[in-house]
Amino acid sequence: MTESEFESLAGGALAALERAFELALPDADVQSKGSGVLEIEFEDGSKMVINRHGAAREIWVAAKSGGFHFRFDGNAWRDTRSGAELFSAVSGLASLQSGAPVQLSAS
């Protein structure tokens, strides 16, 4: 994958995640920190940071429960350890962190 392809795919995924968080968690503070960084602050003050990492061609997620790396497999962004799809995995992480079910959708 070229750098421009990565930037386009990762940028689209981050924008979709931002929209999904705003719809699913209206009380959370969702902020785009520019340059490919998305920060979500939950009602309890805890944060999740999602960013693109160009050198590795990955999207990285830092959550209360740990750090996760996602790589595009040609069809979807997948966790490099578990194989979980990005939106599904981040939904689970956000549910754990918020204490309530969170379902993020890419559409």
Protein backbone atom coordinates (compact mmCIF):
# COMPACT_ATOMS: atom_id res chain seq x y z
CA MET A 1 0.00 0.00 0.00
CA THR A 2 1.36 3.39 -0.93
CA GLU A 3 1.52 6.25 1.54
CA SER A 4 -1.27 8.12 -0.25
CA GLU A 5 -3.50 5.01 -0.25
CA PHE A 6 -2.85 4.56 3.46
CA GLU A 7 -3.60 8.22 4.21
CA SER A 8 -6.87 8.02 2.27
CA LEU A 9 -8.02 4.75 3.86
CA ALA A 10 -6.96 5.70 7.39
CA GLY A 11 -8.43 9.19 7.07
CA GLY A 12 -11.75 7.73 5.95
CA ALA A 13 -11.77 5.24 8.83
CA LEU A 14 -11.02 7.96 11.41
CA ALA A 15 -13.72 10.23 10.00
CA ALA A 16 -16.22 7.35 10.11
CA LEU A 17 -15.21 6.53 13.70
CA GLU A 18 -15.69 10.18 14.69
CA ARG A 19 -19.22 10.21 13.20
CA ALA A 20 -20.02 6.84 14.79
CA PHE A 21 -18.92 7.98 18.25
CA GLU A 22 -20.94 11.19 17.96
CA LEU A 23 -24.06 9.17 17.13
CA ALA A 24 -23.53 6.33 19.62
CA LEU A 25 -22.23 8.38 22.57
CA PRO A 26 -23.71 11.89 22.39
CA ASP A 27 -22.51 12.65 25.95
CA ALA A 28 -18.88 11.82 25.14
CA ASP A 29 -16.48 14.58 24.12
CA VAL A 30 -15.22 13.56 20.67
CA GLN A 31 -12.46 15.72 19.24
CA SER A 32 -10.36 15.48 16.12
CA LYS A 33 -6.91 16.62 17.19
CA GLY A 34 -5.80 17.11 13.60
CA SER A 35 -3.14 15.18 11.74
CA GLY A 36 -4.95 11.86 12.14
CA VAL A 37 -5.68 11.82 15.88
CA LEU A 38 -9.13 11.27 17.38
CA GLU A 39 -9.65 11.67 21.13
CA ILE A 40 -12.77 10.46 22.93
CA GLU A 41 -13.37 11.53 26.52
CA PHE A 42 -16.02 9.49 28.33
CA GLU A 43 -18.37 10.77 31.03
CA ASP A 44 -16.06 9.42 33.77
CA GLY A 45 -13.15 11.48 32.39
CA SER A 46 -11.27 8.49 30.93
CA LYS A 47 -10.01 8.82 27.36
CA MET A 48 -9.51 6.73 24.27
CA VAL A 49 -7.12 7.90 21.57
CA ILE A 50 -7.27 6.59 18.01
CA ASN A 51 -4.62 7.62 15.53
CA ARG A 52 -3.04 6.67 12.28
CA HIS A 53 0.58 5.58 12.31
CA GLY A 54 2.03 6.16 8.86
CA ALA A 55 5.37 4.40 9.34
CA ALA A 56 3.63 1.13 10.27
CA ARG A 57 0.63 1.75 7.96
CA GLU A 58 -1.65 1.03 10.92
CA ILE A 59 -4.39 2.62 12.98
CA TRP A 60 -3.54 2.53 16.67
CA VAL A 61 -6.06 2.56 19.52
CA ALA A 62 -5.11 3.41 23.09
CA ALA A 63 -7.91 2.54 25.51
CA LYS A 64 -8.20 2.03 29.24
CA SER A 65 -7.90 -1.72 28.64
CA GLY A 66 -4.74 -1.52 26.50
CA GLY A 67 -3.21 -0.66 23.16
CA PHE A 68 -4.25 -2.18 19.83
CA HIS A 69 -2.92 -1.99 16.27
CA PHE A 70 -5.07 -2.39 13.17
CA ARG A 71 -3.76 -3.07 9.65
CA PHE A 72 -5.77 -2.96 6.43
CA ASP A 73 -6.07 -6.44 4.90
CA GLY A 74 -7.51 -5.32 1.56
CA ASN A 75 -11.10 -5.39 2.82
CA ALA A 76 -11.11 -4.12 6.41
CA TRP A 77 -8.93 -2.81 9.23
CA ARG A 78 -8.05 -5.81 11.41
CA ASP A 79 -6.38 -6.12 14.81
CA THR A 80 -2.88 -7.45 14.24
CA ARG A 81 -3.22 -9.89 17.17
CA SER A 82 -6.84 -11.04 17.26
CA GLY A 83 -7.98 -10.33 13.69
CA ALA A 84 -11.01 -8.40 15.00
CA GLU A 85 -12.46 -5.77 12.67
CA LEU A 86 -11.81 -2.14 13.74
CA PHE A 87 -15.40 -0.96 14.38
CA SER A 88 -16.35 -4.16 16.17
CA ALA A 89 -13.23 -4.06 18.35
CA VAL A 90 -13.58 -0.36 19.18
CA SER A 91 -17.27 -0.91 20.01
CA GLY A 92 -16.20 -3.52 22.57
CA LEU A 93 -13.46 -1.30 23.98
CA ALA A 94 -15.84 1.67 24.26
CA SER A 95 -18.45 -0.54 25.95
CA LEU A 96 -15.90 -1.64 28.55
CA GLN A 97 -14.69 1.88 29.11
CA SER A 98 -18.12 3.54 29.29
CA GLY A 99 -19.79 0.80 31.30
CA ALA A 100 -22.68 0.64 28.83
CA PRO A 101 -23.18 -1.15 25.49
CA VAL A 102 -21.77 0.85 22.57
CA GLN A 103 -22.35 -0.17 18.96
CA LEU A 104 -20.35 1.77 16.40
CA SER A 105 -21.28 1.48 12.75
CA ALA A 106 -19.06 2.33 9.79
CA SER A 107 -22.01 3.68 7.80
